[in-house]
Structures are given as structure tokens and as C-alpha cells.
Amino acid sequence: MVSRAATVARAPRLRIFCIPFLGGLGSVFSGWVRHQPEEIELQALQLPGRPPRHAEAAHSLYPELVDALRDALLPRLDAPYAIRLVFHTI
């Protein structure tokens, strides 16, 4: 669920988990790397059902998605963190 960190800080002052818009890819955050301090670690989440995880079934119910996000994030909460949600509307 959490992709390889776009930036890796040895002892991050802050770890930012970035969740793309529905149907979006975690790579949408790749440009953020050059605009952040080195002590901030950026980790993009890649949801199932989207490349490169297109072979996995997408979650059709929000409670399932929330449970999967919780399970993916809990082991990585060993540093101060923030969650960045990106929403797009038409």
C-alpha cells in the first residue's frame, strides 16, 4: 500500500504520507521531493487496483480501504507524521 519512500530521512523530523485522488497514482507526488527539506520524508500511497498494483482488486467499500490504510501505516508511525489527501473535483 505504501510505496517506497520518495525521500528517505535517517531520522525524519516529519514523515508525510500522501494519498492520491481516487483513480490517481502515487507518482503524482514525485515533483514534491525537490521542494522539501531533507529531514522530511515523503511516502506516497499506491492504492490497489491502480498501476503498478493493477492486478490487485480495488477496495469497493470505504471501511475496507480504511482498514487497509491503517494496516499499512501503523508500522510506519515511528516518527511524527502527517497525512496529505489530494482531492480533485470535476
PDB file of N, CA and C in Angstrom:
ATOM      1  N   MET A   1       0.838  -1.193   0.000  1.00  0.00           N
ATOM      2  CA  MET A   1       0.000   0.000   0.000  1.00  0.00           C
ATOM      3  C   MET A   1       0.876   1.247   0.000  1.00  0.00           C
ATOM      4  N   VAL A   2       1.891   1.281   0.861  1.00  0.00           N
ATOM      5  CA  VAL A   2       2.795   2.426   0.874  1.00  0.00           C
ATOM      6  C   VAL A   2       3.943   2.107  -0.059  1.00  0.00           C
ATOM      7  N   SER A   3       4.165   2.978  -1.006  1.00  0.00           N
ATOM      8  CA  SER A   3       5.248   2.751  -1.955  1.00  0.00           C
ATOM      9  C   SER A   3       6.578   3.038  -1.281  1.00  0.00           C
ATOM     10  N   ARG A   4       7.636   2.685  -1.977  1.00  0.00           N
ATOM     11  CA  ARG A   4       8.956   3.014  -1.473  1.00  0.00           C
ATOM     12  C   ARG A   4       8.991   4.523  -1.247  1.00  0.00           C
ATOM     13  N   ALA A   5       9.639   4.932  -0.200  1.00  0.00           N
ATOM     14  CA  ALA A   5       9.683   6.359   0.118  1.00  0.00           C
ATOM     15  C   ALA A   5      10.336   7.131  -1.014  1.00  0.00           C
ATOM     16  N   ALA A   6       9.724   8.226  -1.387  1.00  0.00           N
ATOM     17  CA  ALA A   6      10.304   9.097  -2.408  1.00  0.00           C
ATOM     18  C   ALA A   6      11.557   9.763  -1.865  1.00  0.00           C
ATOM     19  N   THR A   7      11.562  10.044  -0.584  1.00  0.00           N
ATOM     20  CA  THR A   7      12.755  10.543   0.095  1.00  0.00           C
ATOM     21  C   THR A   7      12.906   9.739   1.370  1.00  0.00           C
ATOM     22  N   VAL A   8      14.130   9.479   1.760  1.00  0.00           N
ATOM     23  CA  VAL A   8      14.379   8.713   2.980  1.00  0.00           C
ATOM     24  C   VAL A   8      15.250   9.558   3.896  1.00  0.00           C
ATOM     25  N   ALA A   9      14.736   9.873   5.047  1.00  0.00           N
ATOM     26  CA  ALA A   9      15.489  10.618   6.047  1.00  0.00           C
ATOM     27  C   ALA A   9      15.912   9.641   7.136  1.00  0.00           C
ATOM     28  N   ARG A  10      17.171   9.725   7.556  1.00  0.00           N
ATOM     29  CA  ARG A  10      17.679   8.790   8.569  1.00  0.00           C
ATOM     30  C   ARG A  10      16.837   8.865   9.838  1.00  0.00           C
ATOM     31  N   ALA A  11      16.583  10.050  10.325  1.00  0.00           N
ATOM     32  CA  ALA A  11      15.709  10.255  11.487  1.00  0.00           C
ATOM     33  C   ALA A  11      14.761  11.388  11.104  1.00  0.00           C
ATOM     34  N   PRO A  12      13.689  11.057  10.387  1.00  0.00           N
ATOM     35  CA  PRO A  12      12.832  12.123   9.855  1.00  0.00           C
ATOM     36  C   PRO A  12      12.205  12.983  10.946  1.00  0.00           C
ATOM     37  N   ARG A  13      12.241  14.291  10.717  1.00  0.00           N
ATOM     38  CA  ARG A  13      11.541  15.207  11.617  1.00  0.00           C
ATOM     39  C   ARG A  13      10.041  15.085  11.397  1.00  0.00           C
ATOM     40  N   LEU A  14       9.686  14.727  10.159  1.00  0.00           N
ATOM     41  CA  LEU A  14       8.288  14.543   9.804  1.00  0.00           C
ATOM     42  C   LEU A  14       8.208  13.564   8.642  1.00  0.00           C
ATOM     43  N   ARG A  15       7.272  12.659   8.704  1.00  0.00           N
ATOM     44  CA  ARG A  15       7.007  11.722   7.609  1.00  0.00           C
ATOM     45  C   ARG A  15       5.624  12.082   7.058  1.00  0.00           C
ATOM     46  N   ILE A  16       5.568  12.356   5.772  1.00  0.00           N
ATOM     47  CA  ILE A  16       4.303  12.731   5.145  1.00  0.00           C
ATOM     48  C   ILE A  16       3.828  11.584   4.265  1.00  0.00           C
ATOM     49  N   PHE A  17       2.649  11.073   4.571  1.00  0.00           N
ATOM     50  CA  PHE A  17       2.018  10.036   3.754  1.00  0.00           C
ATOM     51  C   PHE A  17       1.058  10.742   2.801  1.00  0.00           C
ATOM     52  N   CYS A  18       1.265  10.545   1.516  1.00  0.00           N
ATOM     53  CA  CYS A  18       0.468  11.230   0.502  1.00  0.00           C
ATOM     54  C   CYS A  18      -0.483  10.245  -0.156  1.00  0.00           C
ATOM     55  N   ILE A  19      -1.752  10.553  -0.111  1.00  0.00           N
ATOM     56  CA  ILE A  19      -2.783   9.698  -0.701  1.00  0.00           C
ATOM     57  C   ILE A  19      -3.322  10.405  -1.941  1.00  0.00           C
ATOM     58  N   PRO A  20      -3.175   9.787  -3.115  1.00  0.00           N
ATOM     59  CA  PRO A  20      -3.638  10.439  -4.347  1.00  0.00           C
ATOM     60  C   PRO A  20      -5.158  10.451  -4.450  1.00  0.00           C
ATOM     61  N   PHE A  21      -5.640  11.274  -5.355  1.00  0.00           N
ATOM     62  CA  PHE A  21      -7.071  11.317  -5.627  1.00  0.00           C
ATOM     63  C   PHE A  21      -7.527   9.952  -6.128  1.00  0.00           C
ATOM     64  N   LEU A  22      -8.804   9.677  -5.988  1.00  0.00           N
ATOM     65  CA  LEU A  22      -9.361   8.393  -6.401  1.00  0.00           C
ATOM     66  C   LEU A  22      -9.055   8.155  -7.875  1.00  0.00           C
ATOM     67  N   GLY A  23      -8.444   7.036  -8.170  1.00  0.00           N
ATOM     68  CA  GLY A  23      -8.054   6.736  -9.542  1.00  0.00           C
ATOM     69  C   GLY A  23      -6.676   7.262  -9.880  1.00  0.00           C
ATOM     70  N   GLY A  24      -6.070   8.012  -8.956  1.00  0.00           N
ATOM     71  CA  GLY A  24      -4.760   8.600  -9.207  1.00  0.00           C
ATOM     72  C   GLY A  24      -3.622   7.678  -8.808  1.00  0.00           C
ATOM     73  N   LEU A  25      -2.432   8.090  -9.169  1.00  0.00           N
ATOM     74  CA  LEU A  25      -1.231   7.318  -8.880  1.00  0.00           C
ATOM     75  C   LEU A  25      -0.379   8.048  -7.853  1.00  0.00           C
ATOM     76  N   GLY A  26       0.342   7.270  -7.053  1.00  0.00           N
ATOM     77  CA  GLY A  26       1.246   7.859  -6.077  1.00  0.00           C
ATOM     78  C   GLY A  26       2.328   8.707  -6.718  1.00  0.00           C
ATOM     79  N   SER A  27       2.630   8.445  -7.975  1.00  0.00           N
ATOM     80  CA  SER A  27       3.681   9.202  -8.665  1.00  0.00           C
ATOM     81  C   SER A  27       3.317  10.676  -8.843  1.00  0.00           C
ATOM     82  N   VAL A  28       2.061  11.035  -8.610  1.00  0.00           N
ATOM     83  CA  VAL A  28       1.651  12.439  -8.714  1.00  0.00           C
ATOM     84  C   VAL A  28       2.446  13.306  -7.725  1.00  0.00           C
ATOM     85  N   PHE A  29       3.023  12.694  -6.701  1.00  0.00           N
ATOM     86  CA  PHE A  29       3.770  13.427  -5.682  1.00  0.00           C
ATOM     87  C   PHE A  29       5.268  13.497  -5.956  1.00  0.00           C
ATOM     88  N   SER A  30       5.743  12.896  -7.035  1.00  0.00           N
ATOM     89  CA  SER A  30       7.184  12.832  -7.287  1.00  0.00           C
ATOM     90  C   SER A  30       7.819  14.218  -7.410  1.00  0.00           C
ATOM     91  N   GLY A  31       7.100  15.191  -7.906  1.00  0.00           N
ATOM     92  CA  GLY A  31       7.643  16.538  -8.027  1.00  0.00           C
ATOM     93  C   GLY A  31       7.813  17.261  -6.704  1.00  0.00           C
ATOM     94  N   TRP A  32       7.186  16.762  -5.658  1.00  0.00           N
ATOM     95  CA  TRP A  32       7.269  17.412  -4.356  1.00  0.00           C
ATOM     96  C   TRP A  32       8.653  17.280  -3.740  1.00  0.00           C
ATOM     97  N   VAL A  33       9.381  16.240  -4.123  1.00  0.00           N
ATOM     98  CA  VAL A  33      10.650  15.913  -3.484  1.00  0.00           C
ATOM     99  C   VAL A  33      11.617  17.093  -3.531  1.00  0.00           C
ATOM    100  N   ARG A  34      11.724  17.763  -4.653  1.00  0.00           N
ATOM    101  CA  ARG A  34      12.711  18.841  -4.775  1.00  0.00           C
ATOM    102  C   ARG A  34      12.317  20.103  -4.002  1.00  0.00           C
ATOM    103  N   HIS A  35      11.132  20.138  -3.430  1.00  0.00           N
ATOM    104  CA  HIS A  35      10.659  21.322  -2.715  1.00  0.00           C
ATOM    105  C   HIS A  35      10.555  21.115  -1.205  1.00  0.00           C
ATOM    106  N   GLN A  36      11.137  20.060  -0.693  1.00  0.00           N
ATOM    107  CA  GLN A  36      11.009  19.799   0.741  1.00  0.00           C
ATOM    108  C   GLN A  36      12.382  19.661   1.385  1.00  0.00           C
ATOM    109  N   PRO A  37      12.500  19.988   2.654  1.00  0.00           N
ATOM    110  CA  PRO A  37      13.766  19.823   3.364  1.00  0.00           C
ATOM    111  C   PRO A  37      14.157  18.345   3.456  1.00  0.00           C
ATOM    112  N   GLU A  38      15.461  18.102   3.593  1.00  0.00           N
ATOM    113  CA  GLU A  38      15.963  16.727   3.647  1.00  0.00           C
ATOM    114  C   GLU A  38      15.430  15.943   4.835  1.00  0.00           C
ATOM    115  N   GLU A  39      15.124  16.619   5.937  1.00  0.00           N
ATOM    116  CA  GLU A  39      14.685  15.896   7.138  1.00  0.00           C
ATOM    117  C   GLU A  39      13.204  15.519   7.092  1.00  0.00           C
ATOM    118  N   ILE A  40      12.549  15.825   6.002  1.00  0.00           N
ATOM    119  CA  ILE A  40      11.152  15.421   5.821  1.00  0.00           C
ATOM    120  C   ILE A  40      11.101  14.269   4.837  1.00  0.00           C
ATOM    121  N   GLU A  41      10.437  13.210   5.242  1.00  0.00           N
ATOM    122  CA  GLU A  41      10.329  12.008   4.407  1.00  0.00           C
ATOM    123  C   GLU A  41       8.946  11.960   3.769  1.00  0.00           C
ATOM    124  N   LEU A  42       8.923  11.762   2.480  1.00  0.00           N
ATOM    125  CA  LEU A  42       7.676  11.688   1.730  1.00  0.00           C
ATOM    126  C   LEU A  42       7.421  10.242   1.328  1.00  0.00           C
ATOM    127  N   GLN A  43       6.242   9.715   1.673  1.00  0.00           N
ATOM    128  CA  GLN A  43       5.861   8.364   1.275  1.00  0.00           C
ATOM    129  C   GLN A  43       4.510   8.439   0.580  1.00  0.00           C
ATOM    130  N   ALA A  44       4.505   8.047  -0.676  1.00  0.00           N
ATOM    131  CA  ALA A  44       3.272   8.067  -1.460  1.00  0.00           C
ATOM    132  C   ALA A  44       2.558   6.731  -1.320  1.00  0.00           C
ATOM    133  N   LEU A  45       1.264   6.783  -1.116  1.00  0.00           N
ATOM    134  CA  LEU A  45       0.474   5.563  -1.034  1.00  0.00           C
ATOM    135  C   LEU A  45      -0.037   5.207  -2.417  1.00  0.00           C
ATOM    136  N   GLN A  46       0.031   3.944  -2.720  1.00  0.00           N
ATOM    137  CA  GLN A  46      -0.470   3.456  -4.003  1.00  0.00           C
ATOM    138  C   GLN A  46      -1.612   2.503  -3.714  1.00  0.00           C
ATOM    139  N   LEU A  47      -2.802   2.877  -4.102  1.00  0.00           N
ATOM    140  CA  LEU A  47      -3.984   2.082  -3.790  1.00  0.00           C
ATOM    141  C   LEU A  47      -4.087   0.867  -4.702  1.00  0.00           C
ATOM    142  N   PRO A  48      -4.628  -0.241  -4.199  1.00  0.00           N
ATOM    143  CA  PRO A  48      -4.825  -1.420  -5.040  1.00  0.00           C
ATOM    144  C   PRO A  48      -5.784  -1.112  -6.186  1.00  0.00           C
ATOM    145  N   GLY A  49      -5.547  -1.777  -7.299  1.00  0.00           N
ATOM    146  CA  GLY A  49      -6.385  -1.568  -8.467  1.00  0.00           C
ATOM    147  C   GLY A  49      -5.850  -0.485  -9.392  1.00  0.00           C
ATOM    148  N   ARG A  50      -4.765   0.187  -8.982  1.00  0.00           N
ATOM    149  CA  ARG A  50      -4.111   1.209  -9.802  1.00  0.00           C
ATOM    150  C   ARG A  50      -2.697   0.743 -10.099  1.00  0.00           C
ATOM    151  N   PRO A  51      -2.144   1.130 -11.250  1.00  0.00           N
ATOM    152  CA  PRO A  51      -0.755   0.746 -11.547  1.00  0.00           C
ATOM    153  C   PRO A  51       0.169   1.239 -10.442  1.00  0.00           C
ATOM    154  N   PRO A  52       1.165   0.543 -10.038  1.00  0.00           N
ATOM    155  CA  PRO A  52       1.578  -0.773 -10.520  1.00  0.00           C
ATOM    156  C   PRO A  52       0.867  -1.922  -9.810  1.00  0.00           C
ATOM    157  N   ARG A  53      -0.175  -1.629  -9.047  1.00  0.00           N
ATOM    158  CA  ARG A  53      -0.905  -2.664  -8.299  1.00  0.00           C
ATOM    159  C   ARG A  53      -2.215  -3.015  -8.993  1.00  0.00           C
ATOM    160  N   HIS A  54      -2.246  -2.898 -10.309  1.00  0.00           N
ATOM    161  CA  HIS A  54      -3.490  -3.132 -11.053  1.00  0.00           C
ATOM    162  C   HIS A  54      -3.961  -4.577 -11.010  1.00  0.00           C
ATOM    163  N   ALA A  55      -3.091  -5.519 -10.667  1.00  0.00           N
ATOM    164  CA  ALA A  55      -3.501  -6.922 -10.564  1.00  0.00           C
ATOM    165  C   ALA A  55      -4.292  -7.184  -9.282  1.00  0.00           C
ATOM    166  N   GLU A  56      -4.229  -6.267  -8.328  1.00  0.00           N
ATOM    167  CA  GLU A  56      -4.961  -6.403  -7.070  1.00  0.00           C
ATOM    168  C   GLU A  56      -6.333  -5.745  -7.207  1.00  0.00           C
ATOM    169  N   ALA A  57      -7.308  -6.343  -6.576  1.00  0.00           N
ATOM    170  CA  ALA A  57      -8.666  -5.787  -6.631  1.00  0.00           C
ATOM    171  C   ALA A  57      -8.734  -4.480  -5.843  1.00  0.00           C
ATOM    172  N   ALA A  58      -9.371  -3.495  -6.427  1.00  0.00           N
ATOM    173  CA  ALA A  58      -9.581  -2.222  -5.735  1.00  0.00           C
ATOM    174  C   ALA A  58     -10.614  -2.422  -4.634  1.00  0.00           C
ATOM    175  N   HIS A  59     -10.500  -1.641  -3.577  1.00  0.00           N
ATOM    176  CA  HIS A  59     -11.491  -1.710  -2.500  1.00  0.00           C
ATOM    177  C   HIS A  59     -12.772  -1.036  -2.972  1.00  0.00           C
ATOM    178  N   SER A  60     -13.880  -1.718  -2.812  1.00  0.00           N
ATOM    179  CA  SER A  60     -15.156  -1.148  -3.249  1.00  0.00           C
ATOM    180  C   SER A  60     -15.930  -0.514  -2.094  1.00  0.00           C
ATOM    181  N   LEU A  61     -15.484  -0.752  -0.880  1.00  0.00           N
ATOM    182  CA  LEU A  61     -16.144  -0.187   0.298  1.00  0.00           C
ATOM    183  C   LEU A  61     -15.136   0.630   1.105  1.00  0.00           C
ATOM    184  N   TYR A  62     -15.533   1.811   1.539  1.00  0.00           N
ATOM    185  CA  TYR A  62     -14.621   2.661   2.291  1.00  0.00           C
ATOM    186  C   TYR A  62     -14.105   2.013   3.573  1.00  0.00           C
ATOM    187  N   PRO A  63     -14.925   1.277   4.344  1.00  0.00           N
ATOM    188  CA  PRO A  63     -14.376   0.643   5.544  1.00  0.00           C
ATOM    189  C   PRO A  63     -13.214  -0.303   5.225  1.00  0.00           C
ATOM    190  N   GLU A  64     -13.292  -1.023   4.104  1.00  0.00           N
ATOM    191  CA  GLU A  64     -12.189  -1.908   3.707  1.00  0.00           C
ATOM    192  C   GLU A  64     -10.937  -1.093   3.399  1.00  0.00           C
ATOM    193  N   LEU A  65     -11.114   0.002   2.697  1.00  0.00           N
ATOM    194  CA  LEU A  65      -9.981   0.856   2.351  1.00  0.00           C
ATOM    195  C   LEU A  65      -9.352   1.455   3.604  1.00  0.00           C
ATOM    196  N   VAL A  66     -10.167   1.920   4.518  1.00  0.00           N
ATOM    197  CA  VAL A  66      -9.660   2.498   5.765  1.00  0.00           C
ATOM    198  C   VAL A  66      -8.888   1.453   6.561  1.00  0.00           C
ATOM    199  N   ASP A  67      -9.404   0.228   6.646  1.00  0.00           N
ATOM    200  CA  ASP A  67      -8.695  -0.845   7.347  1.00  0.00           C
ATOM    201  C   ASP A  67      -7.348  -1.134   6.694  1.00  0.00           C
ATOM    202  N   ALA A  68      -7.317  -1.182   5.361  1.00  0.00           N
ATOM    203  CA  ALA A  68      -6.068  -1.451   4.640  1.00  0.00           C
ATOM    204  C   ALA A  68      -5.061  -0.320   4.858  1.00  0.00           C
ATOM    205  N   LEU A  69      -5.532   0.915   4.841  1.00  0.00           N
ATOM    206  CA  LEU A  69      -4.646   2.053   5.099  1.00  0.00           C
ATOM    207  C   LEU A  69      -4.088   1.997   6.515  1.00  0.00           C
ATOM    208  N   ARG A  70      -4.942   1.691   7.473  1.00  0.00           N
ATOM    209  CA  ARG A  70      -4.490   1.577   8.867  1.00  0.00           C
ATOM    210  C   ARG A  70      -3.396   0.529   8.987  1.00  0.00           C
ATOM    211  N   ASP A  71      -3.625  -0.645   8.409  1.00  0.00           N
ATOM    212  CA  ASP A  71      -2.649  -1.731   8.497  1.00  0.00           C
ATOM    213  C   ASP A  71      -1.328  -1.365   7.826  1.00  0.00           C
ATOM    214  N   ALA A  72      -1.394  -0.608   6.739  1.00  0.00           N
ATOM    215  CA  ALA A  72      -0.179  -0.213   6.026  1.00  0.00           C
ATOM    216  C   ALA A  72       0.588   0.882   6.768  1.00  0.00           C
ATOM    217  N   LEU A  73      -0.136   1.782   7.420  1.00  0.00           N
ATOM    218  CA  LEU A  73       0.515   2.926   8.048  1.00  0.00           C
ATOM    219  C   LEU A  73       1.027   2.654   9.456  1.00  0.00           C
ATOM    220  N   LEU A  74       0.349   1.828  10.227  1.00  0.00           N
ATOM    221  CA  LEU A  74       0.734   1.617  11.626  1.00  0.00           C
ATOM    222  C   LEU A  74       2.221   1.309  11.821  1.00  0.00           C
ATOM    223  N   PRO A  75       2.830   0.409  11.036  1.00  0.00           N
ATOM    224  CA  PRO A  75       4.255   0.124  11.255  1.00  0.00           C
ATOM    225  C   PRO A  75       5.172   1.305  10.926  1.00  0.00           C
ATOM    226  N   ARG A  76       4.667   2.311  10.260  1.00  0.00           N
ATOM    227  CA  ARG A  76       5.496   3.446   9.838  1.00  0.00           C
ATOM    228  C   ARG A  76       5.255   4.700  10.686  1.00  0.00           C
ATOM    229  N   LEU A  77       4.569   4.552  11.782  1.00  0.00           N
ATOM    230  CA  LEU A  77       4.258   5.714  12.618  1.00  0.00           C
ATOM    231  C   LEU A  77       5.267   5.896  13.746  1.00  0.00           C
ATOM    232  N   ASP A  78       6.526   5.568  13.466  1.00  0.00           N
ATOM    233  CA  ASP A  78       7.582   5.689  14.465  1.00  0.00           C
ATOM    234  C   ASP A  78       8.249   7.066  14.443  1.00  0.00           C
ATOM    235  N   ALA A  79       7.703   7.980  13.680  1.00  0.00           N
ATOM    236  CA  ALA A  79       8.184   9.363  13.606  1.00  0.00           C
ATOM    237  C   ALA A  79       6.950  10.258  13.533  1.00  0.00           C
ATOM    238  N   PRO A  80       7.103  11.532  13.868  1.00  0.00           N
ATOM    239  CA  PRO A  80       5.962  12.434  13.679  1.00  0.00           C
ATOM    240  C   PRO A  80       5.497  12.355  12.224  1.00  0.00           C
ATOM    241  N   TYR A  81       4.199  12.450  12.019  1.00  0.00           N
ATOM    242  CA  TYR A  81       3.687  12.242  10.669  1.00  0.00           C
ATOM    243  C   TYR A  81       2.518  13.165  10.355  1.00  0.00           C
ATOM    244  N   ALA A  82       2.252  13.261   9.068  1.00  0.00           N
ATOM    245  CA  ALA A  82       1.087  13.974   8.554  1.00  0.00           C
ATOM    246  C   ALA A  82       0.546  13.153   7.397  1.00  0.00           C
ATOM    247  N   ILE A  83      -0.729  13.296   7.138  1.00  0.00           N
ATOM    248  CA  ILE A  83      -1.351  12.607   6.008  1.00  0.00           C
ATOM    249  C   ILE A  83      -1.899  13.675   5.076  1.00  0.00           C
ATOM    250  N   ARG A  84      -1.492  13.590   3.824  1.00  0.00           N
ATOM    251  CA  ARG A  84      -1.918  14.560   2.812  1.00  0.00           C
ATOM    252  C   ARG A  84      -2.858  13.868   1.844  1.00  0.00           C
ATOM    253  N   LEU A  85      -4.096  14.281   1.838  1.00  0.00           N
ATOM    254  CA  LEU A  85      -5.082  13.755   0.897  1.00  0.00           C
ATOM    255  C   LEU A  85      -5.209  14.735  -0.257  1.00  0.00           C
ATOM    256  N   VAL A  86      -5.249  14.220  -1.466  1.00  0.00           N
ATOM    257  CA  VAL A  86      -5.422  15.073  -2.640  1.00  0.00           C
ATOM    258  C   VAL A  86      -6.770  14.750  -3.251  1.00  0.00           C
ATOM    259  N   PHE A  87      -7.626  15.749  -3.331  1.00  0.00           N
ATOM    260  CA  PHE A  87      -8.949  15.566  -3.916  1.00  0.00           C
ATOM    261  C   PHE A  87      -9.061  16.421  -5.169  1.00  0.00           C
ATOM    262  N   HIS A  88      -9.677  15.871  -6.170  1.00  0.00           N
ATOM    263  CA  HIS A  88      -9.956  16.622  -7.394  1.00  0.00           C
ATOM    264  C   HIS A  88     -11.447  16.527  -7.658  1.00  0.00           C
ATOM    265  N   THR A  89     -12.026  17.595  -8.107  1.00  0.00           N
ATOM    266  CA  THR A  89     -13.437  17.572  -8.472  1.00  0.00           C
ATOM    267  C   THR A  89     -13.576  18.003  -9.922  1.00  0.00           C
ATOM    268  N   ILE A  90     -14.647  17.595 -10.512  1.00  0.00           N
ATOM    269  CA  ILE A  90     -14.893  17.951 -11.908  1.00  0.00           C
ATOM    270  C   ILE A  90     -15.972  19.012 -11.949  1.00  0.00           C
TER     271      ILE A  90
END
